[in-house]
């Protein structure tokens, strides 16, 4: 396929995996990867081999991977890369102490691939074959914004095993031309990405589109969406018919009926899991990155998104949404209203755990 420059929005995993590996093969100076998961599978091994070859030819390779998400790759998977000079750090090891749950629940969910002060990949995807048939959202940027992302990566790389740090410093908003980089760190009281999403929805004039695999919105986000619909904005929320987290699917259904009654259009993506994470407003302003639209991302995760209004990206975002919509079915309020008692019971049962799913 032809990759558009300077910006290319990918939706299909195999396409952007191939593009990433080709970019890794021609890297000259450095490759930086920040991710929640790299699979111990065929796709993960493809990345490992490409990274080994890069390190062998003298390219600096640094990987920051979440300790929880790393799974079995913690057990020697990266040894061949490390032997060739690559560096791997596991973000915040699980510590089984009295505060195990509160500390262990705070994970690094950010997803970046940076190459040579030139190429940035930011979006929704982990580097694993597990999601090979999912619908994702990954933006490739050929731009000097990579230098800015590199600085942010190195900050995260520095605090990979620190539980105490300056939250204001590590969440300050970064502007670059007509883009802005927004970061969140675990904080129940101050949720910067949630606030940005609400601001974008409040400013909408024509339409709002959300694509997310996990939709558990807090009160203020629900209110912003309902207020937008009441003032005539067309609001579409696209979620998978069935995601990879069944408990989230059960609980989210509690929110769908009331939102539908407010005039919000809810659509279910049918073919497989929709894992894309985007907010698209008025056909021009967008947000793309790692954050889901749920309590857990906003409260407990290290997340990162890119916002902007670049016309080229907006055009590709429009194309992406149109293709997604072709594979959706609408939410039916009457079916929801008449759902079974067990469905309603389990929704009620899970409400106290909505912040953790």
Protein backbone atom coordinates (compact mmCIF):
# COMPACT_ATOMS: atom_id res chain seq x y z
CA UNK A 1 0.00 0.00 0.00
CA UNK A 2 1.05 3.64 -0.48
CA UNK A 3 1.82 5.43 2.76
CA UNK A 4 0.87 9.09 2.78
CA UNK A 5 3.34 11.60 4.16
CA UNK A 6 3.80 13.50 6.33
CA UNK A 7 0.81 11.91 8.08
CA UNK A 8 -0.79 8.50 7.61
CA UNK A 9 -3.64 7.08 9.67
CA UNK A 10 -3.69 3.28 9.88
CA UNK A 11 -6.72 1.20 10.85
CA UNK A 12 -5.54 -2.34 10.05
CA UNK A 13 -2.86 -3.92 12.29
CA UNK A 14 -0.99 -5.87 9.62
CA UNK A 15 -0.53 -2.71 7.55
CA UNK A 16 0.98 -0.62 10.31
CA UNK A 17 3.01 -3.52 11.70
CA UNK A 18 4.64 -3.93 8.30
CA UNK A 19 5.23 -0.16 8.06
CA UNK A 20 6.75 -0.06 11.54
CA UNK A 21 9.12 -2.93 10.80
CA UNK A 22 10.22 -1.35 7.52
CA UNK A 23 10.94 1.92 9.36
CA UNK A 24 12.88 0.00 12.03
CA UNK A 25 14.98 -1.67 9.31
CA UNK A 26 16.25 1.68 8.01
CA UNK A 27 16.71 3.40 11.39
CA UNK A 28 20.17 4.91 11.81
CA UNK A 29 20.33 6.55 15.23
CA UNK A 30 17.68 5.39 17.68
CA UNK A 31 14.45 3.45 18.14
CA UNK A 32 12.32 4.16 21.20
CA UNK A 33 9.28 2.04 22.05
CA UNK A 34 6.83 2.70 24.88
CA UNK A 35 4.00 0.20 25.10
CA UNK A 36 1.73 -1.76 27.39
CA UNK A 37 2.38 -5.12 25.72
CA UNK A 38 4.70 -6.81 23.23
CA UNK A 39 3.45 -10.28 22.41
CA UNK A 40 5.49 -13.43 22.96
CA UNK A 41 4.12 -14.63 19.62
CA UNK A 42 4.95 -14.58 15.93
CA UNK A 43 4.32 -10.84 15.59
CA UNK A 44 6.29 -9.99 18.72
CA UNK A 45 9.19 -12.09 17.45
CA UNK A 46 9.11 -10.23 14.12
CA UNK A 47 9.60 -6.99 16.00
CA UNK A 48 12.29 -8.53 18.18
CA UNK A 49 14.27 -9.72 15.15
CA UNK A 50 14.05 -6.30 13.48
CA UNK A 51 15.16 -4.59 16.69
CA UNK A 52 18.05 -7.04 17.13
CA UNK A 53 19.31 -6.26 13.62
CA UNK A 54 19.04 -2.55 14.32
CA UNK A 55 21.00 -2.87 17.58
CA UNK A 56 23.59 -5.01 15.79
CA UNK A 57 24.27 -2.21 13.30
CA UNK A 58 24.73 0.32 16.11
CA UNK A 59 21.26 1.82 16.48
CA UNK A 60 20.32 2.75 20.06
CA UNK A 61 17.24 0.69 21.00
CA UNK A 62 15.28 1.45 24.15
CA UNK A 63 12.02 -0.26 25.15
CA UNK A 64 9.78 0.77 28.04
CA UNK A 65 7.09 -1.84 28.58
CA UNK A 66 4.57 -2.08 31.38
CA UNK A 67 5.46 -4.78 33.91
CA UNK A 68 1.90 -6.08 34.14
CA UNK A 69 1.32 -5.99 30.37
CA UNK A 70 4.69 -7.58 29.61
CA UNK A 71 3.42 -11.00 30.68
CA UNK A 72 5.75 -13.84 29.70
CA UNK A 73 8.14 -11.51 27.85
CA UNK A 74 9.63 -10.71 31.28
CA UNK A 75 11.19 -14.18 31.27
CA UNK A 76 14.10 -13.88 28.85
CA UNK A 77 12.19 -12.84 25.71
CA UNK A 78 14.32 -9.71 25.26
CA UNK A 79 17.67 -11.34 26.12
CA UNK A 80 18.84 -11.59 22.46
CA UNK A 81 18.19 -7.86 22.04
CA UNK A 82 19.92 -6.96 25.30
CA UNK A 83 22.95 -9.05 24.29
CA UNK A 84 23.29 -6.83 21.21
CA UNK A 85 23.16 -3.61 23.24
CA UNK A 86 19.44 -2.95 23.42
CA UNK A 87 17.93 -1.66 26.66
CA UNK A 88 14.63 -2.84 28.15
CA UNK A 89 12.93 -1.45 31.22
CA UNK A 90 9.75 -2.78 32.81
CA UNK A 91 7.54 0.00 34.09
CA UNK A 92 6.68 -0.23 37.81
CA UNK A 93 7.15 -3.79 38.95
CA UNK A 94 4.32 -5.21 41.01
CA UNK A 95 5.16 -4.96 44.72
CA UNK A 96 3.20 -7.23 47.02
CA UNK A 97 2.83 -4.92 50.01
CA UNK A 98 -0.08 -3.59 52.04
CA UNK A 99 -0.90 -1.09 49.25
CA UNK A 100 -0.56 -3.71 46.49
CA UNK A 101 -3.92 -2.95 44.91
CA UNK A 102 -3.66 0.85 44.79
CA UNK A 103 -0.07 0.80 43.52
CA UNK A 104 -0.32 -2.26 41.29
CA UNK A 105 -3.41 -0.96 39.50
CA UNK A 106 -1.57 2.09 38.11
CA UNK A 107 -0.16 0.96 34.77
CA UNK A 108 1.63 2.57 31.80
CA UNK A 109 -0.83 2.29 28.91
CA UNK A 110 0.99 4.71 26.55
CA UNK A 111 1.84 3.53 23.04
CA UNK A 112 4.65 5.17 21.07
CA UNK A 113 7.27 4.18 18.50
CA UNK A 114 9.88 6.86 17.74
CA UNK A 115 12.67 6.71 15.16
CA UNK A 116 15.59 9.04 14.38
CA UNK A 117 14.06 12.45 15.28
CA UNK A 118 11.88 11.85 12.23
CA UNK A 119 9.11 9.26 12.62
CA UNK A 120 6.44 8.98 15.32
CA UNK A 121 3.77 6.32 15.67
CA UNK A 122 1.06 7.10 18.22
CA UNK A 123 -2.24 5.35 18.70
CA UNK A 124 -4.23 2.51 20.16
CA UNK A 125 -2.17 -0.59 19.48
CA UNK A 126 0.07 -2.97 21.36
CA UNK A 127 2.73 -4.89 19.42
CA UNK A 128 1.19 -8.35 19.37
CA UNK A 129 -0.56 -10.76 17.06
CA UNK A 130 -3.45 -10.94 19.53
CA UNK A 131 -5.14 -7.96 17.88
CA UNK A 132 -4.27 -8.77 14.26
CA UNK A 133 -7.94 -8.77 13.17
CA UNK A 134 -9.07 -5.82 15.28
CA UNK A 135 -9.85 -2.32 14.04
CA UNK A 136 -7.32 0.13 15.46
CA UNK A 137 -6.21 3.75 15.08
CA UNK A 138 -2.48 4.47 14.66
CA UNK A 139 -1.05 7.71 13.28
CA UNK A 140 2.36 7.75 11.59
CA UNK A 141 3.96 11.20 11.53
CA UNK A 142 7.08 12.16 9.59
CA UNK A 143 7.83 15.33 11.49
CA UNK A 144 10.23 17.00 13.90
CA UNK A 145 7.52 16.57 16.54
CA UNK A 146 9.37 13.27 17.08
CA UNK A 147 12.03 15.25 18.96
CA UNK A 148 9.37 16.44 21.40
CA UNK A 149 8.00 12.94 21.84
CA UNK A 150 11.56 11.71 22.42
CA UNK A 151 11.95 14.10 25.36
CA UNK A 152 8.69 12.83 26.86
CA UNK A 153 9.73 9.22 26.35
CA UNK A 154 13.04 9.80 28.12
CA UNK A 155 11.17 11.33 31.06
CA UNK A 156 9.07 8.17 31.35
CA UNK A 157 12.18 6.04 30.90
CA UNK A 158 13.79 7.86 33.81
CA UNK A 159 10.90 7.32 36.26
CA UNK A 160 10.11 3.75 35.23
CA UNK A 161 10.49 2.45 38.79
CA UNK A 162 9.55 5.57 40.77
CA UNK A 163 6.24 5.80 42.60
CA UNK A 164 6.70 9.42 43.65
CA UNK A 165 7.29 12.21 41.10
CA UNK A 166 6.00 15.66 40.13
CA UNK A 167 2.58 15.06 38.58
CA UNK A 168 2.33 18.65 37.36
CA UNK A 169 5.63 18.36 35.49
CA UNK A 170 4.80 15.01 33.95
CA UNK A 171 1.35 16.12 32.75
CA UNK A 172 2.06 19.61 31.46
CA UNK A 173 0.48 20.29 28.08
CA UNK A 174 2.95 20.41 25.19
CA UNK A 175 2.14 22.51 22.11
CA UNK A 176 3.80 21.95 18.74
CA UNK A 177 2.49 24.11 15.89
CA UNK A 178 -1.18 23.12 15.45
CA UNK A 179 -0.83 20.01 17.64
CA UNK A 180 -0.96 19.47 21.38
CA UNK A 181 0.31 16.49 23.36
CA UNK A 182 -1.78 15.66 26.43
CA UNK A 183 -0.62 13.21 29.11
CA UNK A 184 -2.26 11.68 32.16
CA UNK A 185 -0.72 10.01 35.19
CA UNK A 186 -2.69 8.22 37.93
CA UNK A 187 -4.73 10.85 39.73
CA UNK A 188 -8.32 10.49 40.90
CA UNK A 189 -8.85 14.23 41.40
CA UNK A 190 -7.25 15.65 38.24
CA UNK A 191 -7.94 13.85 34.97
CA UNK A 192 -6.41 15.96 32.20
CA UNK A 193 -7.40 13.84 29.18
CA UNK A 194 -10.97 13.52 30.43
CA UNK A 195 -11.06 17.31 30.77
CA UNK A 196 -9.75 17.80 27.22
CA UNK A 197 -12.38 15.43 25.84
CA UNK A 198 -15.11 17.37 27.65
CA UNK A 199 -13.76 20.70 26.34
CA UNK A 200 -13.75 19.40 22.76
CA UNK A 201 -17.33 18.11 23.09
CA UNK A 202 -18.52 21.37 24.66
CA UNK A 203 -17.00 23.33 21.75
CA UNK A 204 -18.62 21.12 19.09
CA UNK A 205 -21.00 22.76 16.61
CA UNK A 206 -21.98 20.03 14.14
CA UNK A 207 -20.93 16.52 15.08
CA UNK A 208 -19.00 14.42 17.56
CA UNK A 209 -17.70 10.91 16.87
CA UNK A 210 -16.19 8.65 19.51
CA UNK A 211 -14.58 5.29 18.74
CA UNK A 212 -13.55 3.30 21.80
CA UNK A 213 -13.44 -0.34 22.86
CA UNK A 214 -14.37 0.40 26.48
CA UNK A 215 -17.05 2.98 27.20
CA UNK A 216 -17.69 3.72 30.88
CA UNK A 217 -18.06 7.52 30.95
CA UNK A 218 -18.22 9.53 34.17
CA UNK A 219 -20.98 11.99 34.94
CA UNK A 220 -19.32 15.09 33.47
CA UNK A 221 -18.49 13.32 30.21
CA UNK A 222 -22.03 11.94 29.94
CA UNK A 223 -23.41 15.42 30.60
CA UNK A 224 -21.20 17.00 27.92
CA UNK A 225 -22.39 14.43 25.38
CA UNK A 226 -26.06 14.89 26.34
CA UNK A 227 -25.79 18.68 26.28
CA UNK A 228 -24.21 18.54 22.81
CA UNK A 229 -27.03 16.34 21.50
CA UNK A 230 -29.67 18.67 22.97
CA UNK A 231 -28.21 21.69 21.18
CA UNK A 232 -28.41 19.89 17.84
CA UNK A 233 -24.94 18.34 17.54
CA UNK A 234 -25.00 14.87 15.98
CA UNK A 235 -23.27 12.64 18.52
CA UNK A 236 -22.16 9.14 17.49
CA UNK A 237 -20.57 6.64 19.88
CA UNK A 238 -19.09 3.61 18.14
CA UNK A 239 -18.23 0.63 20.34
CA UNK A 240 -17.63 -3.05 19.62
CA UNK A 241 -20.59 -5.37 19.76
CA UNK A 242 -18.32 -7.59 21.81
CA UNK A 243 -14.98 -6.40 23.12
CA UNK A 244 -12.24 -8.52 24.67
CA UNK A 245 -13.37 -7.55 28.19
CA UNK A 246 -16.81 -9.06 28.84
CA UNK A 247 -17.32 -7.38 32.21
CA UNK A 248 -16.94 -3.95 30.61
CA UNK A 249 -19.50 -4.90 27.96
CA UNK A 250 -21.98 -5.91 30.65
CA UNK A 251 -21.54 -2.75 32.69
CA UNK A 252 -21.46 -0.30 29.77
CA UNK A 253 -24.96 -1.42 28.73
CA UNK A 254 -26.35 0.36 31.79
CA UNK A 255 -25.32 3.70 30.27
CA UNK A 256 -26.57 3.12 26.73
CA UNK A 257 -30.32 3.45 27.25
CA UNK A 258 -30.23 6.83 29.06
CA UNK A 259 -27.73 8.23 26.53
CA UNK A 260 -29.87 7.02 23.64
CA UNK A 261 -32.88 8.79 25.19
CA UNK A 262 -30.85 12.03 25.06
CA UNK A 263 -30.55 11.74 21.27
CA UNK A 264 -27.08 10.20 21.17
CA UNK A 265 -26.57 7.64 18.41
CA UNK A 266 -24.91 4.45 19.62
CA UNK A 267 -23.55 2.02 17.07
CA UNK A 268 -22.08 -1.45 17.51
CA UNK A 269 -19.08 -2.49 15.41
CA UNK A 270 -19.81 -6.05 14.28
CA UNK A 271 -16.89 -7.84 12.53
CA UNK A 272 -14.52 -8.16 15.52
CA UNK A 273 -13.17 -6.01 18.32
CA UNK A 274 -13.05 -2.26 17.71
CA UNK A 275 -9.93 -1.13 19.59
CA UNK A 276 -9.55 2.31 17.98
CA UNK A 277 -9.44 5.26 20.38
CA UNK A 278 -10.41 8.54 18.75
CA UNK A 279 -12.51 11.64 19.31
CA UNK A 280 -13.41 13.53 16.14
CA UNK A 281 -15.26 16.84 16.32
CA UNK A 282 -16.85 18.89 13.53
CA UNK A 283 -14.85 17.10 10.85
CA UNK A 284 -11.73 19.03 11.79
CA UNK A 285 -10.52 18.65 15.38
CA UNK A 286 -9.30 15.25 16.54
CA UNK A 287 -7.78 13.40 19.47
CA UNK A 288 -5.93 10.11 18.96
CA UNK A 289 -3.83 8.05 21.31
CA UNK A 290 -3.91 5.40 24.01
CA UNK A 291 -6.76 6.53 26.27
CA UNK A 292 -10.08 4.72 26.47
CA UNK A 293 -13.30 6.49 27.45
CA UNK A 294 -13.56 4.89 30.86
CA UNK A 295 -12.83 5.51 34.52
CA UNK A 296 -9.76 3.30 34.55
CA UNK A 297 -7.91 5.18 31.81
CA UNK A 298 -8.80 8.57 33.26
CA UNK A 299 -8.01 7.71 36.89
CA UNK A 300 -5.30 5.06 37.03
CA UNK A 301 -3.33 4.88 33.79
CA UNK A 302 -0.34 6.65 32.31
CA UNK A 303 -1.91 7.72 28.99
CA UNK A 304 -0.98 9.95 26.06
CA UNK A 305 -3.01 11.53 23.25
CA UNK A 306 -2.36 13.92 20.39
CA UNK A 307 -4.92 16.60 19.56
CA UNK A 308 -4.97 18.93 16.57
CA UNK A 309 -6.82 20.23 13.56
CA UNK A 310 -4.53 19.36 10.65
CA UNK A 311 -6.62 19.12 7.47
CA UNK A 312 -4.79 16.09 6.06
CA UNK A 313 -5.24 14.07 9.26
CA UNK A 314 -8.86 15.19 9.55
CA UNK A 315 -9.55 13.98 6.01
CA UNK A 316 -8.09 10.56 6.82
CA UNK A 317 -10.00 10.49 10.11
CA UNK A 318 -13.20 11.10 8.14
CA UNK A 319 -12.36 8.19 5.83
CA UNK A 320 -11.58 5.96 8.81
CA UNK A 321 -14.91 6.75 10.51
CA UNK A 322 -16.87 6.19 7.29
CA UNK A 323 -15.32 2.74 6.88
CA UNK A 324 -15.99 1.91 10.51
CA UNK A 325 -19.66 2.95 10.18
CA UNK A 326 -20.14 0.59 7.23
CA UNK A 327 -19.71 -2.33 9.62
CA UNK A 328 -21.99 -1.19 12.44
CA UNK A 329 -25.55 -1.85 13.58
CA UNK A 330 -27.58 0.67 15.59
CA UNK A 331 -28.46 0.38 19.24
CA UNK A 332 -32.17 -0.42 19.69
CA UNK A 333 -33.69 1.19 22.76
CA UNK A 334 -36.69 -1.15 22.98
CA UNK A 335 -34.42 -4.20 23.02
CA UNK A 336 -32.33 -2.59 25.74
CA UNK A 337 -35.41 -1.71 27.80
CA UNK A 338 -36.64 -5.30 27.61
CA UNK A 339 -33.27 -6.92 28.40
CA UNK A 340 -33.39 -9.83 30.79
CA UNK A 341 -33.36 -9.61 34.58
CA UNK A 342 -29.95 -11.38 34.81
CA UNK A 343 -28.48 -8.69 32.51
CA UNK A 344 -29.84 -5.93 34.75
CA UNK A 345 -28.70 -7.75 37.89
CA UNK A 346 -25.10 -8.11 36.71
CA UNK A 347 -25.05 -4.45 35.60
CA UNK A 348 -26.09 -3.48 39.13
CA UNK A 349 -23.61 -5.92 40.65
CA UNK A 350 -20.69 -4.40 38.73
CA UNK A 351 -21.47 -0.73 39.41
CA UNK A 352 -19.23 -0.53 42.53
CA UNK A 353 -16.31 -1.79 40.42
CA UNK A 354 -16.80 0.61 37.48
CA UNK A 355 -13.62 2.54 38.33
CA UNK A 356 -11.49 -0.59 38.06
CA UNK A 357 -12.68 -2.28 34.85
